[in-house]
Amino acid sequence: QVQLVESGGGLVQPGGSLRLSCAASGSFFSINAMGWYRQAPGKARELVARITSGGSTNYANSVKGRFTISRDNAKNTVYLQMNSLKSDDTAVYYCSASFRRPFVSDVEAWGQGTQVIVSS
């Protein structure tokens, strides 16, 4: 059993900043890639940022230069620092991760989501 729990969402004004956290728990050997996704009402879920176990990152074009993804392997946690927030960033943000497990196949998990609202 593995679990991801997001936190840090909320209401912010345009131009503001917010940091999301996602903590992993359960039975696993290590975590492979981790990523942040978001979904706005009526729209498909999209990848926002991704980070590999080696620290390589990639971002959606819409957030490049504004968002930064990072991870703390000792705490089994991934972060998303969001700066210069725009109204278009309003969405439910989800984290996802692939877990390595001893003697069995890898498994993916999703967090429950955290709401981010950017509005004046």
PDB file of N, CA and C in Angstrom:
ATOM      1  N   GLN A   1       0.830  -1.177   0.000  1.00  0.00           N
ATOM      2  CA  GLN A   1       0.000   0.000   0.000  1.00  0.00           C
ATOM      3  C   GLN A   1       0.882   1.250   0.000  1.00  0.00           C
ATOM      4  N   VAL A   2       0.631   2.142  -0.954  1.00  0.00           N
ATOM      5  CA  VAL A   2       1.344   3.405  -1.035  1.00  0.00           C
ATOM      6  C   VAL A   2       0.334   4.538  -1.090  1.00  0.00           C
ATOM      7  N   GLN A   3       0.755   5.701  -0.632  1.00  0.00           N
ATOM      8  CA  GLN A   3      -0.151   6.828  -0.545  1.00  0.00           C
ATOM      9  C   GLN A   3       0.600   8.130  -0.774  1.00  0.00           C
ATOM     10  N   LEU A   4      -0.065   9.078  -1.438  1.00  0.00           N
ATOM     11  CA  LEU A   4       0.455  10.421  -1.645  1.00  0.00           C
ATOM     12  C   LEU A   4      -0.550  11.421  -1.111  1.00  0.00           C
ATOM     13  N   VAL A   5      -0.068  12.391  -0.347  1.00  0.00           N
ATOM     14  CA  VAL A   5      -0.934  13.405   0.240  1.00  0.00           C
ATOM     15  C   VAL A   5      -0.389  14.779  -0.084  1.00  0.00           C
ATOM     16  N   GLU A   6      -1.188  15.588  -0.804  1.00  0.00           N
ATOM     17  CA  GLU A   6      -0.788  16.949  -1.156  1.00  0.00           C
ATOM     18  C   GLU A   6      -1.227  17.931  -0.073  1.00  0.00           C
ATOM     19  N   SER A   7      -0.523  19.055  -0.024  1.00  0.00           N
ATOM     20  CA  SER A   7      -0.891  20.143   0.866  1.00  0.00           C
ATOM     21  C   SER A   7      -0.331  21.444   0.312  1.00  0.00           C
ATOM     22  N   GLY A   8      -0.826  22.563   0.809  1.00  0.00           N
ATOM     23  CA  GLY A   8      -0.294  23.858   0.429  1.00  0.00           C
ATOM     24  C   GLY A   8      -1.159  24.673  -0.501  1.00  0.00           C
ATOM     25  N   GLY A   9      -2.264  24.121  -0.967  1.00  0.00           N
ATOM     26  CA  GLY A   9      -3.142  24.867  -1.846  1.00  0.00           C
ATOM     27  C   GLY A   9      -3.883  25.961  -1.101  1.00  0.00           C
ATOM     28  N   GLY A  10      -4.531  26.840  -1.868  1.00  0.00           N
ATOM     29  CA  GLY A  10      -5.275  27.919  -1.261  1.00  0.00           C
ATOM     30  C   GLY A  10      -5.599  29.005  -2.246  1.00  0.00           C
ATOM     31  N   LEU A  11      -6.045  30.138  -1.723  1.00  0.00           N
ATOM     32  CA  LEU A  11      -6.419  31.303  -2.516  1.00  0.00           C
ATOM     33  C   LEU A  11      -5.301  32.330  -2.470  1.00  0.00           C
ATOM     34  N   VAL A  12      -4.851  32.762  -3.642  1.00  0.00           N
ATOM     35  CA  VAL A  12      -3.800  33.772  -3.737  1.00  0.00           C
ATOM     36  C   VAL A  12      -4.172  34.795  -4.798  1.00  0.00           C
ATOM     37  N   GLN A  13      -3.584  35.980  -4.697  1.00  0.00           N
ATOM     38  CA  GLN A  13      -3.805  37.026  -5.686  1.00  0.00           C
ATOM     39  C   GLN A  13      -2.878  36.849  -6.883  1.00  0.00           C
ATOM     40  N   PRO A  14      -3.271  37.355  -8.041  1.00  0.00           N
ATOM     41  CA  PRO A  14      -2.370  37.305  -9.196  1.00  0.00           C
ATOM     42  C   PRO A  14      -1.016  37.925  -8.858  1.00  0.00           C
ATOM     43  N   GLY A  15       0.051  37.272  -9.303  1.00  0.00           N
ATOM     44  CA  GLY A  15       1.392  37.721  -8.997  1.00  0.00           C
ATOM     45  C   GLY A  15       1.955  37.137  -7.718  1.00  0.00           C
ATOM     46  N   GLY A  16       1.129  36.467  -6.946  1.00  0.00           N
ATOM     47  CA  GLY A  16       1.562  35.882  -5.699  1.00  0.00           C
ATOM     48  C   GLY A  16       2.267  34.558  -5.882  1.00  0.00           C
ATOM     49  N   SER A  17       2.656  33.965  -4.756  1.00  0.00           N
ATOM     50  CA  SER A  17       3.389  32.707  -4.762  1.00  0.00           C
ATOM     51  C   SER A  17       2.732  31.696  -3.834  1.00  0.00           C
ATOM     52  N   LEU A  18       2.992  30.438  -4.125  1.00  0.00           N
ATOM     53  CA  LEU A  18       2.451  29.350  -3.334  1.00  0.00           C
ATOM     54  C   LEU A  18       3.383  28.153  -3.489  1.00  0.00           C
ATOM     55  N   ARG A  19       3.543  27.378  -2.432  1.00  0.00           N
ATOM     56  CA  ARG A  19       4.345  26.169  -2.508  1.00  0.00           C
ATOM     57  C   ARG A  19       3.506  24.960  -2.134  1.00  0.00           C
ATOM     58  N   LEU A  20       3.435  24.009  -3.040  1.00  0.00           N
ATOM     59  CA  LEU A  20       2.722  22.770  -2.809  1.00  0.00           C
ATOM     60  C   LEU A  20       3.693  21.685  -2.355  1.00  0.00           C
ATOM     61  N   SER A  21       3.221  20.816  -1.474  1.00  0.00           N
ATOM     62  CA  SER A  21       4.012  19.696  -0.994  1.00  0.00           C
ATOM     63  C   SER A  21       3.235  18.407  -1.207  1.00  0.00           C
ATOM     64  N   CYS A  22       3.964  17.328  -1.408  1.00  0.00           N
ATOM     65  CA  CYS A  22       3.348  16.020  -1.563  1.00  0.00           C
ATOM     66  C   CYS A  22       4.229  14.995  -0.869  1.00  0.00           C
ATOM     67  N   ALA A  23       3.699  14.378   0.172  1.00  0.00           N
ATOM     68  CA  ALA A  23       4.445  13.410   0.958  1.00  0.00           C
ATOM     69  C   ALA A  23       3.980  11.993   0.647  1.00  0.00           C
ATOM     70  N   ALA A  24       4.934  11.111   0.446  1.00  0.00           N
ATOM     71  CA  ALA A  24       4.646   9.715   0.143  1.00  0.00           C
ATOM     72  C   ALA A  24       4.828   8.853   1.385  1.00  0.00           C
ATOM     73  N   SER A  25       3.999   7.837   1.495  1.00  0.00           N
ATOM     74  CA  SER A  25       4.107   6.894   2.600  1.00  0.00           C
ATOM     75  C   SER A  25       3.639   5.527   2.133  1.00  0.00           C
ATOM     76  N   GLY A  26       3.984   4.505   2.898  1.00  0.00           N
ATOM     77  CA  GLY A  26       3.579   3.159   2.572  1.00  0.00           C
ATOM     78  C   GLY A  26       4.756   2.229   2.431  1.00  0.00           C
ATOM     79  N   SER A  27       4.516   1.132   1.731  1.00  0.00           N
ATOM     80  CA  SER A  27       5.527   0.101   1.556  1.00  0.00           C
ATOM     81  C   SER A  27       6.154   0.215   0.171  1.00  0.00           C
ATOM     82  N   PHE A  28       7.387   0.691   0.134  1.00  0.00           N
ATOM     83  CA  PHE A  28       8.119   0.788  -1.118  1.00  0.00           C
ATOM     84  C   PHE A  28       9.604   0.881  -0.822  1.00  0.00           C
ATOM     85  N   PHE A  29      10.389   0.525  -1.819  1.00  0.00           N
ATOM     86  CA  PHE A  29      11.836   0.579  -1.671  1.00  0.00           C
ATOM     87  C   PHE A  29      12.370   1.977  -1.952  1.00  0.00           C
ATOM     88  N   SER A  30      11.893   2.577  -3.020  1.00  0.00           N
ATOM     89  CA  SER A  30      12.301   3.918  -3.387  1.00  0.00           C
ATOM     90  C   SER A  30      11.280   4.474  -4.366  1.00  0.00           C
ATOM     91  N   ILE A  31      11.436   5.737  -4.711  1.00  0.00           N
ATOM     92  CA  ILE A  31      10.521   6.400  -5.627  1.00  0.00           C
ATOM     93  C   ILE A  31      11.248   6.729  -6.917  1.00  0.00           C
ATOM     94  N   ASN A  32      10.610   6.399  -8.016  1.00  0.00           N
ATOM     95  CA  ASN A  32      11.168   6.733  -9.325  1.00  0.00           C
ATOM     96  C   ASN A  32      10.818   8.188  -9.654  1.00  0.00           C
ATOM     97  N   ALA A  33      10.214   8.425 -10.795  1.00  0.00           N
ATOM     98  CA  ALA A  33       9.845   9.785 -11.162  1.00  0.00           C
ATOM     99  C   ALA A  33       8.639  10.263 -10.366  1.00  0.00           C
ATOM    100  N   MET A  34       8.574  11.565 -10.135  1.00  0.00           N
ATOM    101  CA  MET A  34       7.439  12.195  -9.478  1.00  0.00           C
ATOM    102  C   MET A  34       7.004  13.380 -10.333  1.00  0.00           C
ATOM    103  N   GLY A  35       5.724  13.679 -10.303  1.00  0.00           N
ATOM    104  CA  GLY A  35       5.232  14.769 -11.122  1.00  0.00           C
ATOM    105  C   GLY A  35       4.037  15.475 -10.515  1.00  0.00           C
ATOM    106  N   TRP A  36       3.815  16.680 -10.998  1.00  0.00           N
ATOM    107  CA  TRP A  36       2.645  17.464 -10.642  1.00  0.00           C
ATOM    108  C   TRP A  36       1.770  17.646 -11.878  1.00  0.00           C
ATOM    109  N   TYR A  37       0.482  17.435 -11.709  1.00  0.00           N
ATOM    110  CA  TYR A  37      -0.510  17.627 -12.742  1.00  0.00           C
ATOM    111  C   TYR A  37      -1.565  18.600 -12.239  1.00  0.00           C
ATOM    112  N   ARG A  38      -2.334  19.161 -13.156  1.00  0.00           N
ATOM    113  CA  ARG A  38      -3.435  20.014 -12.752  1.00  0.00           C
ATOM    114  C   ARG A  38      -4.615  19.821 -13.689  1.00  0.00           C
ATOM    115  N   GLN A  39      -5.788  20.115 -13.167  1.00  0.00           N
ATOM    116  CA  GLN A  39      -7.007  19.994 -13.945  1.00  0.00           C
ATOM    117  C   GLN A  39      -7.968  21.117 -13.577  1.00  0.00           C
ATOM    118  N   ALA A  40      -8.324  21.912 -14.566  1.00  0.00           N
ATOM    119  CA  ALA A  40      -9.307  22.965 -14.399  1.00  0.00           C
ATOM    120  C   ALA A  40     -10.674  22.435 -14.810  1.00  0.00           C
ATOM    121  N   PRO A  41     -11.756  23.027 -14.299  1.00  0.00           N
ATOM    122  CA  PRO A  41     -13.102  22.562 -14.657  1.00  0.00           C
ATOM    123  C   PRO A  41     -13.325  22.547 -16.159  1.00  0.00           C
ATOM    124  N   GLY A  42     -13.817  21.427 -16.666  1.00  0.00           N
ATOM    125  CA  GLY A  42     -14.096  21.297 -18.078  1.00  0.00           C
ATOM    126  C   GLY A  42     -12.896  21.044 -18.957  1.00  0.00           C
ATOM    127  N   LYS A  43     -11.721  20.902 -18.363  1.00  0.00           N
ATOM    128  CA  LYS A  43     -10.519  20.677 -19.139  1.00  0.00           C
ATOM    129  C   LYS A  43      -9.850  19.367 -18.728  1.00  0.00           C
ATOM    130  N   ALA A  44      -9.016  18.860 -19.610  1.00  0.00           N
ATOM    131  CA  ALA A  44      -8.296  17.627 -19.340  1.00  0.00           C
ATOM    132  C   ALA A  44      -7.148  17.863 -18.371  1.00  0.00           C
ATOM    133  N   ARG A  45      -6.799  16.821 -17.648  1.00  0.00           N
ATOM    134  CA  ARG A  45      -5.662  16.901 -16.757  1.00  0.00           C
ATOM    135  C   ARG A  45      -4.382  17.030 -17.579  1.00  0.00           C
ATOM    136  N   GLU A  46      -3.488  17.920 -17.162  1.00  0.00           N
ATOM    137  CA  GLU A  46      -2.261  18.152 -17.891  1.00  0.00           C
ATOM    138  C   GLU A  46      -1.056  18.070 -16.970  1.00  0.00           C
ATOM    139  N   LEU A  47       0.054  17.666 -17.542  1.00  0.00           N
ATOM    140  CA  LEU A  47       1.306  17.620 -16.800  1.00  0.00           C
ATOM    141  C   LEU A  47       1.839  19.032 -16.612  1.00  0.00           C
ATOM    142  N   VAL A  48       2.198  19.362 -15.387  1.00  0.00           N
ATOM    143  CA  VAL A  48       2.762  20.665 -15.067  1.00  0.00           C
ATOM    144  C   VAL A  48       4.281  20.583 -14.974  1.00  0.00           C
ATOM    145  N   ALA A  49       4.774  19.618 -14.218  1.00  0.00           N
ATOM    146  CA  ALA A  49       6.203  19.466 -14.022  1.00  0.00           C
ATOM    147  C   ALA A  49       6.516  18.036 -13.624  1.00  0.00           C
ATOM    148  N   ARG A  50       7.722  17.608 -13.915  1.00  0.00           N
ATOM    149  CA  ARG A  50       8.147  16.246 -13.623  1.00  0.00           C
ATOM    150  C   ARG A  50       9.601  16.259 -13.196  1.00  0.00           C
ATOM    151  N   ILE A  51       9.950  15.360 -12.280  1.00  0.00           N
ATOM    152  CA  ILE A  51      11.324  15.239 -11.831  1.00  0.00           C
ATOM    153  C   ILE A  51      11.660  13.768 -11.672  1.00  0.00           C
ATOM    154  N   THR A  52      12.801  13.366 -12.197  1.00  0.00           N
ATOM    155  CA  THR A  52      13.234  11.978 -12.122  1.00  0.00           C
ATOM    156  C   THR A  52      13.968  11.719 -10.812  1.00  0.00           C
ATOM    157  N   SER A  53      14.274  10.453 -10.571  1.00  0.00           N
ATOM    158  CA  SER A  53      15.023  10.104  -9.369  1.00  0.00           C
ATOM    159  C   SER A  53      16.415  10.716  -9.376  1.00  0.00           C
ATOM    160  N   GLY A  54      16.947  10.987 -10.566  1.00  0.00           N
ATOM    161  CA  GLY A  54      18.255  11.605 -10.691  1.00  0.00           C
ATOM    162  C   GLY A  54      18.235  13.117 -10.648  1.00  0.00           C
ATOM    163  N   GLY A  55      17.049  13.711 -10.576  1.00  0.00           N
ATOM    164  CA  GLY A  55      16.942  15.153 -10.460  1.00  0.00           C
ATOM    165  C   GLY A  55      16.681  15.900 -11.747  1.00  0.00           C
ATOM    166  N   SER A  56      16.555  15.201 -12.864  1.00  0.00           N
ATOM    167  CA  SER A  56      16.234  15.872 -14.120  1.00  0.00           C
ATOM    168  C   SER A  56      14.790  16.340 -14.106  1.00  0.00           C
ATOM    169  N   THR A  57      14.539  17.516 -14.667  1.00  0.00           N
ATOM    170  CA  THR A  57      13.205  18.111 -14.630  1.00  0.00           C
ATOM    171  C   THR A  57      12.728  18.498 -16.015  1.00  0.00           C
ATOM    172  N   ASN A  58      11.419  18.597 -16.152  1.00  0.00           N
ATOM    173  CA  ASN A  58      10.817  19.183 -17.330  1.00  0.00           C
ATOM    174  C   ASN A  58       9.509  19.846 -16.919  1.00  0.00           C
ATOM    175  N   TYR A  59       9.108  20.866 -17.695  1.00  0.00           N
ATOM    176  CA  TYR A  59       7.959  21.687 -17.350  1.00  0.00           C
ATOM    177  C   TYR A  59       7.071  21.911 -18.558  1.00  0.00           C
ATOM    178  N   ALA A  60       5.800  22.141 -18.283  1.00  0.00           N
ATOM    179  CA  ALA A  60       4.904  22.604 -19.322  1.00  0.00           C
ATOM    180  C   ALA A  60       5.330  24.002 -19.751  1.00  0.00           C
ATOM    181  N   ASN A  61       5.155  24.311 -21.021  1.00  0.00           N
ATOM    182  CA  ASN A  61       5.565  25.617 -21.525  1.00  0.00           C
ATOM    183  C   ASN A  61       4.876  26.766 -20.785  1.00  0.00           C
ATOM    184  N   SER A  62       3.661  26.553 -20.349  1.00  0.00           N
ATOM    185  CA  SER A  62       2.901  27.606 -19.702  1.00  0.00           C
ATOM    186  C   SER A  62       3.437  27.999 -18.328  1.00  0.00           C
ATOM    187  N   VAL A  63       4.292  27.164 -17.730  1.00  0.00           N
ATOM    188  CA  VAL A  63       4.797  27.452 -16.390  1.00  0.00           C
ATOM    189  C   VAL A  63       6.303  27.628 -16.348  1.00  0.00           C
ATOM    190  N   LYS A  64       6.974  27.464 -17.457  1.00  0.00           N
ATOM    191  CA  LYS A  64       8.426  27.616 -17.487  1.00  0.00           C
ATOM    192  C   LYS A  64       8.834  29.012 -17.026  1.00  0.00           C
ATOM    193  N   GLY A  65       9.830  29.046 -16.160  1.00  0.00           N
ATOM    194  CA  GLY A  65      10.308  30.310 -15.625  1.00  0.00           C
ATOM    195  C   GLY A  65       9.550  30.791 -14.412  1.00  0.00           C
ATOM    196  N   ARG A  66       8.411  30.171 -14.109  1.00  0.00           N
ATOM    197  CA  ARG A  66       7.600  30.579 -12.963  1.00  0.00           C
ATOM    198  C   ARG A  66       7.511  29.499 -11.888  1.00  0.00           C
ATOM    199  N   PHE A  67       7.482  28.237 -12.295  1.00  0.00           N
ATOM    200  CA  PHE A  67       7.341  27.116 -11.360  1.00  0.00           C
ATOM    201  C   PHE A  67       8.653  26.357 -11.255  1.00  0.00           C
ATOM    202  N   THR A  68       8.903  25.789 -10.080  1.00  0.00           N
ATOM    203  CA  THR A  68      10.082  24.968  -9.859  1.00  0.00           C
ATOM    204  C   THR A  68       9.693  23.708  -9.097  1.00  0.00           C
ATOM    205  N   ILE A  69      10.040  22.555  -9.642  1.00  0.00           N
ATOM    206  CA  ILE A  69       9.778  21.294  -8.966  1.00  0.00           C
ATOM    207  C   ILE A  69      11.071  20.811  -8.308  1.00  0.00           C
ATOM    208  N   SER A  70      10.948  20.241  -7.126  1.00  0.00           N
ATOM    209  CA  SER A  70      12.095  19.710  -6.409  1.00  0.00           C
ATOM    210  C   SER A  70      11.644  18.533  -5.553  1.00  0.00           C
ATOM    211  N   ARG A  71      12.607  17.780  -5.042  1.00  0.00           N
ATOM    212  CA  ARG A  71      12.262  16.639  -4.201  1.00  0.00           C
ATOM    213  C   ARG A  71      13.282  16.470  -3.094  1.00  0.00           C
ATOM    214  N   ASP A  72      12.830  15.935  -1.986  1.00  0.00           N
ATOM    215  CA  ASP A  72      13.669  15.615  -0.846  1.00  0.00           C
ATOM    216  C   ASP A  72      13.519  14.118  -0.620  1.00  0.00           C
ATOM    217  N   ASN A  73      14.478  13.356  -1.080  1.00  0.00           N
ATOM    218  CA  ASN A  73      14.377  11.902  -1.003  1.00  0.00           C
ATOM    219  C   ASN A  73      14.368  11.385   0.438  1.00  0.00           C
ATOM    220  N   ALA A  74      15.057  12.079   1.327  1.00  0.00           N
ATOM    221  CA  ALA A  74      15.078  11.660   2.723  1.00  0.00           C
ATOM    222  C   ALA A  74      13.704  11.765   3.362  1.00  0.00           C
ATOM    223  N   LYS A  75      12.889  12.706   2.884  1.00  0.00           N
ATOM    224  CA  LYS A  75      11.550  12.904   3.415  1.00  0.00           C
ATOM    225  C   LYS A  75      10.466  12.316   2.520  1.00  0.00           C
ATOM    226  N   ASN A  76      10.864  11.704   1.403  1.00  0.00           N
ATOM    227  CA  ASN A  76       9.904  11.145   0.445  1.00  0.00           C
ATOM    228  C   ASN A  76       8.861  12.181   0.037  1.00  0.00           C
ATOM    229  N   THR A  77       9.338  13.367  -0.269  1.00  0.00           N
ATOM    230  CA  THR A  77       8.454  14.490  -0.541  1.00  0.00           C
ATOM    231  C   THR A  77       8.870  15.211  -1.817  1.00  0.00           C
ATOM    232  N   VAL A  78       7.882  15.633  -2.588  1.00  0.00           N
ATOM    233  CA  VAL A  78       8.112  16.449  -3.769  1.00  0.00           C
ATOM    234  C   VAL A  78       7.408  17.783  -3.565  1.00  0.00           C
ATOM    235  N   TYR A  79       8.013  18.856  -4.092  1.00  0.00           N
ATOM    236  CA  TYR A  79       7.486  20.199  -3.922  1.00  0.00           C
ATOM    237  C   TYR A  79       7.258  20.853  -5.276  1.00  0.00           C
ATOM    238  N   LEU A  80       6.359  21.813  -5.287  1.00  0.00           N
ATOM    239  CA  LEU A  80       6.154  22.649  -6.460  1.00  0.00           C
ATOM    240  C   LEU A  80       6.073  24.091  -5.988  1.00  0.00           C
ATOM    241  N   GLN A  81       7.130  24.853  -6.261  1.00  0.00           N
ATOM    242  CA  GLN A  81       7.150  26.273  -5.939  1.00  0.00           C
ATOM    243  C   GLN A  81       6.553  27.037  -7.108  1.00  0.00           C
ATOM    244  N   MET A  82       5.493  27.784  -6.859  1.00  0.00           N
ATOM    245  CA  MET A  82       4.775  28.501  -7.897  1.00  0.00           C
ATOM    246  C   MET A  82       4.888  29.997  -7.638  1.00  0.00           C
ATOM    247  N   ASN A  83       5.504  30.704  -8.568  1.00  0.00           N
ATOM    248  CA  ASN A  83       5.670  32.146  -8.478  1.00  0.00           C
ATOM    249  C   ASN A  83       4.950  32.832  -9.633  1.00  0.00           C
ATOM    250  N   SER A  84       4.735  34.130  -9.479  1.00  0.00           N
ATOM    251  CA  SER A  84       4.079  34.933 -10.516  1.00  0.00           C
ATOM    252  C   SER A  84       2.799  34.272 -10.994  1.00  0.00           C
ATOM    253  N   LEU A  85       1.971  33.880 -10.066  1.00  0.00           N
ATOM    254  CA  LEU A  85       0.764  33.132 -10.393  1.00  0.00           C
ATOM    255  C   LEU A  85      -0.218  33.969 -11.207  1.00  0.00           C
ATOM    256  N   LYS A  86      -0.879  33.310 -12.137  1.00  0.00           N
ATOM    257  CA  LYS A  86      -1.873  33.917 -13.006  1.00  0.00           C
ATOM    258  C   LYS A  86      -3.225  33.256 -12.777  1.00  0.00           C
ATOM    259  N   SER A  87      -4.276  33.913 -13.234  1.00  0.00           N
ATOM    260  CA  SER A  87      -5.607  33.338 -13.096  1.00  0.00           C
ATOM    261  C   SER A  87      -5.724  32.009 -13.837  1.00  0.00           C
ATOM    262  N   ASP A  88      -4.977  31.858 -14.918  1.00  0.00           N
ATOM    263  CA  ASP A  88      -5.006  30.619 -15.685  1.00  0.00           C
ATOM    264  C   ASP A  88      -4.404  29.438 -14.925  1.00  0.00           C
ATOM    265  N   ASP A  89      -3.710  29.712 -13.826  1.00  0.00           N
ATOM    266  CA  ASP A  89      -3.143  28.644 -13.014  1.00  0.00           C
ATOM    267  C   ASP A  89      -4.173  28.024 -12.075  1.00  0.00           C
ATOM    268  N   THR A  90      -5.348  28.598 -12.005  1.00  0.00           N
ATOM    269  CA  THR A  90      -6.402  28.070 -11.145  1.00  0.00           C
ATOM    270  C   THR A  90      -6.788  26.663 -11.579  1.00  0.00           C
ATOM    271  N   ALA A  91      -6.677  25.715 -10.659  1.00  0.00           N
ATOM    272  CA  ALA A  91      -6.960  24.315 -10.959  1.00  0.00           C
ATOM    273  C   ALA A  91      -6.796  23.494  -9.689  1.00  0.00           C
ATOM    274  N   VAL A  92      -7.199  22.237  -9.770  1.00  0.00           N
ATOM    275  CA  VAL A  92      -6.856  21.268  -8.747  1.00  0.00           C
ATOM    276  C   VAL A  92      -5.530  20.645  -9.140  1.00  0.00           C
ATOM    277  N   TYR A  93      -4.583  20.672  -8.240  1.00  0.00           N
ATOM    278  CA  TYR A  93      -3.255  20.151  -8.507  1.00  0.00           C
ATOM    279  C   TYR A  93      -3.082  18.791  -7.848  1.00  0.00           C
ATOM    280  N   TYR A  94      -2.579  17.833  -8.620  1.00  0.00           N
ATOM    281  CA  TYR A  94      -2.370  16.472  -8.157  1.00  0.00           C
ATOM    282  C   TYR A  94      -0.900  16.098  -8.290  1.00  0.00           C
ATOM    283  N   CYS A  95      -0.408  15.328  -7.346  1.00  0.00           N
ATOM    284  CA  CYS A  95       0.921  14.763  -7.523  1.00  0.00           C
ATOM    285  C   CYS A  95       0.801  13.281  -7.835  1.00  0.00           C
ATOM    286  N   SER A  96       1.786  12.771  -8.535  1.00  0.00           N
ATOM    287  CA  SER A  96       1.824  11.372  -8.914  1.00  0.00           C
ATOM    288  C   SER A  96       3.254  10.873  -8.792  1.00  0.00           C
ATOM    289  N   ALA A  97       3.393   9.586  -8.508  1.00  0.00           N
ATOM    290  CA  ALA A  97       4.719   9.017  -8.361  1.00  0.00           C
ATOM    291  C   ALA A  97       4.705   7.546  -8.723  1.00  0.00           C
ATOM    292  N   SER A  98       5.844   7.079  -9.173  1.00  0.00           N
ATOM    293  CA  SER A  98       6.071   5.672  -9.435  1.00  0.00           C
ATOM    294  C   SER A  98       6.988   5.130  -8.352  1.00  0.00           C
ATOM    295  N   PHE A  99       6.570   4.053  -7.704  1.00  0.00           N
ATOM    296  CA  PHE A  99       7.294   3.490  -6.572  1.00  0.00           C
ATOM    297  C   PHE A  99       7.952   2.177  -6.934  1.00  0.00           C
ATOM    298  N   ARG A 100       9.176   2.002  -6.491  1.00  0.00           N
ATOM    299  CA  ARG A 100       9.849   0.717  -6.580  1.00  0.00           C
ATOM    300  C   ARG A 100       9.520  -0.092  -5.337  1.00  0.00           C
ATOM    301  N   ARG A 101       9.141  -1.351  -5.530  1.00  0.00           N
ATOM    302  CA  ARG A 101       8.816  -2.236  -4.427  1.00  0.00           C
ATOM    303  C   ARG A 101       9.644  -3.504  -4.517  1.00  0.00           C
ATOM    304  N   PRO A 102      10.112  -4.005  -3.371  1.00  0.00           N
ATOM    305  CA  PRO A 102      10.945  -5.218  -3.397  1.00  0.00           C
ATOM    306  C   PRO A 102      10.155  -6.443  -3.813  1.00  0.00           C
ATOM    307  N   PHE A 103      10.703  -7.179  -4.774  1.00  0.00           N
ATOM    308  CA  PHE A 103      10.196  -8.482  -5.199  1.00  0.00           C
ATOM    309  C   PHE A 103       8.890  -8.436  -5.998  1.00  0.00           C
ATOM    310  N   VAL A 104       8.338  -7.272  -6.206  1.00  0.00           N
ATOM    311  CA  VAL A 104       7.107  -7.137  -6.977  1.00  0.00           C
ATOM    312  C   VAL A 104       7.256  -5.990  -7.968  1.00  0.00           C
ATOM    313  N   SER A 105       6.276  -5.849  -8.858  1.00  0.00           N
ATOM    314  CA  SER A 105       6.319  -4.816  -9.881  1.00  0.00           C
ATOM    315  C   SER A 105       6.171  -3.427  -9.274  1.00  0.00           C
ATOM    316  N   ASP A 106       6.679  -2.433 -10.000  1.00  0.00           N
ATOM    317  CA  ASP A 106       6.497  -1.053  -9.579  1.00  0.00           C
ATOM    318  C   ASP A 106       5.012  -0.695  -9.582  1.00  0.00           C
ATOM    319  N   VAL A 107       4.657   0.323  -8.824  1.00  0.00           N
ATOM    320  CA  VAL A 107       3.268   0.744  -8.731  1.00  0.00           C
ATOM    321  C   VAL A 107       3.190   2.264  -8.791  1.00  0.00           C
ATOM    322  N   GLU A 108       2.142   2.780  -9.415  1.00  0.00           N
ATOM    323  CA  GLU A 108       1.892   4.218  -9.471  1.00  0.00           C
ATOM    324  C   GLU A 108       0.780   4.601  -8.506  1.00  0.00           C
ATOM    325  N   ALA A 109       0.846   5.824  -8.023  1.00  0.00           N
ATOM    326  CA  ALA A 109      -0.178   6.336  -7.124  1.00  0.00           C
ATOM    327  C   ALA A 109      -0.434   7.807  -7.412  1.00  0.00           C
ATOM    328  N   TRP A 110      -1.612   8.257  -7.036  1.00  0.00           N
ATOM    329  CA  TRP A 110      -2.026   9.653  -7.194  1.00  0.00           C
ATOM    330  C   TRP A 110      -2.490  10.204  -5.863  1.00  0.00           C
ATOM    331  N   GLY A 111      -2.221  11.477  -5.641  1.00  0.00           N
ATOM    332  CA  GLY A 111      -2.732  12.150  -4.471  1.00  0.00           C
ATOM    333  C   GLY A 111      -4.185  12.531  -4.650  1.00  0.00           C
ATOM    334  N   GLN A 112      -4.788  13.037  -3.596  1.00  0.00           N
ATOM    335  CA  GLN A 112      -6.206  13.393  -3.626  1.00  0.00           C
ATOM    336  C   GLN A 112      -6.457  14.738  -4.288  1.00  0.00           C
ATOM    337  N   GLY A 113      -5.425  15.534  -4.463  1.00  0.00           N
ATOM    338  CA  GLY A 113      -5.545  16.836  -5.088  1.00  0.00           C
ATOM    339  C   GLY A 113      -5.660  17.961  -4.084  1.00  0.00           C
ATOM    340  N   THR A 114      -5.138  19.121  -4.451  1.00  0.00           N
ATOM    341  CA  THR A 114      -5.259  20.313  -3.632  1.00  0.00           C
ATOM    342  C   THR A 114      -5.645  21.490  -4.530  1.00  0.00           C
ATOM    343  N   GLN A 115      -6.609  22.280  -4.086  1.00  0.00           N
ATOM    344  CA  GLN A 115      -7.164  23.357  -4.899  1.00  0.00           C
ATOM    345  C   GLN A 115      -6.294  24.601  -4.835  1.00  0.00           C
ATOM    346  N   VAL A 116      -6.010  25.164  -6.000  1.00  0.00           N
ATOM    347  CA  VAL A 116      -5.313  26.439  -6.110  1.00  0.00           C
ATOM    348  C   VAL A 116      -6.219  27.408  -6.857  1.00  0.00           C
ATOM    349  N   ILE A 117      -6.526  28.538  -6.234  1.00  0.00           N
ATOM    350  CA  ILE A 117      -7.355  29.566  -6.854  1.00  0.00           C
ATOM    351  C   ILE A 117      -6.564  30.862  -6.889  1.00  0.00           C
ATOM    352  N   VAL A 118      -6.398  31.412  -8.082  1.00  0.00           N
ATOM    353  CA  VAL A 118      -5.686  32.669  -8.265  1.00  0.00           C
ATOM    354  C   VAL A 118      -6.709  33.713  -8.697  1.00  0.00           C
ATOM    355  N   SER A 119      -6.996  34.644  -7.818  1.00  0.00           N
ATOM    356  CA  SER A 119      -8.031  35.630  -8.086  1.00  0.00           C
ATOM    357  C   SER A 119      -7.815  36.869  -7.233  1.00  0.00           C
ATOM    358  N   SER A 120      -8.194  38.016  -7.780  1.00  0.00           N
ATOM    359  CA  SER A 120      -8.137  39.259  -7.035  1.00  0.00           C
ATOM    360  C   SER A 120      -9.437  39.525  -6.302  1.00  0.00           C
TER     361      SER A 120
END
